[in-house]
């Protein structure tokens, strides 16, 4: 699980909006551009090429 303090400072690298935990802590989602960034071994992968767009 990502530390709460880290989650508070992480922002989407594309639109700079805050991220929220999704998929039981397995990913981070931007509410603005809907990109979903994976979390692997408790490390957020904040690369645009690794993100997927969530249609909802």
C-alpha atoms as a PDB file:
ATOM      1  CA  UNK A   1       0.000   0.000   0.000  1.00  0.00           C
ATOM      2  CA  UNK A   2       1.229   3.480  -0.840  1.00  0.00           C
ATOM      3  CA  UNK A   3       2.030   5.739   2.071  1.00  0.00           C
ATOM      4  CA  UNK A   4      -0.656   8.372   2.649  1.00  0.00           C
ATOM      5  CA  UNK A   5       1.912  11.206   2.680  1.00  0.00           C
ATOM      6  CA  UNK A   6       3.258  10.093  -0.707  1.00  0.00           C
ATOM      7  CA  UNK A   7      -0.252   9.873  -2.130  1.00  0.00           C
ATOM      8  CA  UNK A   8      -0.917  13.467  -1.048  1.00  0.00           C
ATOM      9  CA  UNK A   9       1.998  14.820  -3.121  1.00  0.00           C
ATOM     10  CA  UNK A  10       1.646  12.641  -6.233  1.00  0.00           C
ATOM     11  CA  UNK A  11      -0.017  14.293  -9.224  1.00  0.00           C
ATOM     12  CA  UNK A  12      -0.730  13.185 -12.762  1.00  0.00           C
ATOM     13  CA  UNK A  13       2.327  13.907 -14.926  1.00  0.00           C
ATOM     14  CA  UNK A  14       0.058  14.985 -17.808  1.00  0.00           C
ATOM     15  CA  UNK A  15      -2.452  17.381 -16.248  1.00  0.00           C
ATOM     16  CA  UNK A  16      -0.929  17.878 -12.752  1.00  0.00           C
ATOM     17  CA  UNK A  17      -4.168  16.969 -10.934  1.00  0.00           C
ATOM     18  CA  UNK A  18      -4.270  14.832  -7.736  1.00  0.00           C
ATOM     19  CA  UNK A  19      -4.461  11.049  -8.001  1.00  0.00           C
ATOM     20  CA  UNK A  20      -6.620   8.584  -6.093  1.00  0.00           C
ATOM     21  CA  UNK A  21      -6.103   4.928  -5.279  1.00  0.00           C
ATOM     22  CA  UNK A  22      -8.092   2.429  -7.354  1.00  0.00           C
ATOM     23  CA  UNK A  23      -8.313  -1.346  -7.796  1.00  0.00           C
ATOM     24  CA  UNK A  24      -7.670  -2.101  -4.122  1.00  0.00           C
ATOM     25  CA  UNK A  25      -4.395  -0.171  -4.118  1.00  0.00           C
ATOM     26  CA  UNK A  26      -3.099  -1.619  -7.396  1.00  0.00           C
ATOM     27  CA  UNK A  27      -3.295   1.614  -9.387  1.00  0.00           C
ATOM     28  CA  UNK A  28      -3.642   5.387  -9.215  1.00  0.00           C
ATOM     29  CA  UNK A  29      -6.262   7.235 -11.254  1.00  0.00           C
ATOM     30  CA  UNK A  30      -6.412  10.847 -12.326  1.00  0.00           C
ATOM     31  CA  UNK A  31      -9.943  12.220 -12.047  1.00  0.00           C
ATOM     32  CA  UNK A  32      -9.280  14.864 -14.699  1.00  0.00           C
ATOM     33  CA  UNK A  33      -7.771  12.995 -17.670  1.00  0.00           C
ATOM     34  CA  UNK A  34      -8.827   9.480 -16.479  1.00  0.00           C
ATOM     35  CA  UNK A  35      -5.326   8.005 -16.871  1.00  0.00           C
ATOM     36  CA  UNK A  36      -4.661   5.021 -14.625  1.00  0.00           C
ATOM     37  CA  UNK A  37      -1.073   4.437 -13.520  1.00  0.00           C
ATOM     38  CA  UNK A  38      -0.075   0.981 -12.263  1.00  0.00           C
ATOM     39  CA  UNK A  39       1.522   0.295  -8.896  1.00  0.00           C
ATOM     40  CA  UNK A  40       4.122  -2.491  -8.924  1.00  0.00           C
ATOM     41  CA  UNK A  41       5.821  -3.703  -5.742  1.00  0.00           C
ATOM     42  CA  UNK A  42       4.382  -0.667  -3.905  1.00  0.00           C
ATOM     43  CA  UNK A  43       6.018   1.693  -6.423  1.00  0.00           C
ATOM     44  CA  UNK A  44       3.790   3.927  -8.566  1.00  0.00           C
ATOM     45  CA  UNK A  45       4.796   3.788 -12.219  1.00  0.00           C
ATOM     46  CA  UNK A  46       4.182   7.387 -13.253  1.00  0.00           C
ATOM     47  CA  UNK A  47       5.150   7.011 -16.913  1.00  0.00           C
ATOM     48  CA  UNK A  48       2.603   8.180 -19.469  1.00  0.00           C
ATOM     49  CA  UNK A  49       3.499   5.216 -21.708  1.00  0.00           C
ATOM     50  CA  UNK A  50       2.563   2.808 -18.875  1.00  0.00           C
ATOM     51  CA  UNK A  51      -0.791   4.460 -18.171  1.00  0.00           C
ATOM     52  CA  UNK A  52      -4.099   3.377 -19.623  1.00  0.00           C
ATOM     53  CA  UNK A  53      -7.186   5.527 -20.138  1.00  0.00           C
ATOM     54  CA  UNK A  54     -10.193   4.477 -18.050  1.00  0.00           C
ATOM     55  CA  UNK A  55     -13.422   5.014 -20.012  1.00  0.00           C
ATOM     56  CA  UNK A  56     -15.482   5.604 -16.823  1.00  0.00           C
END
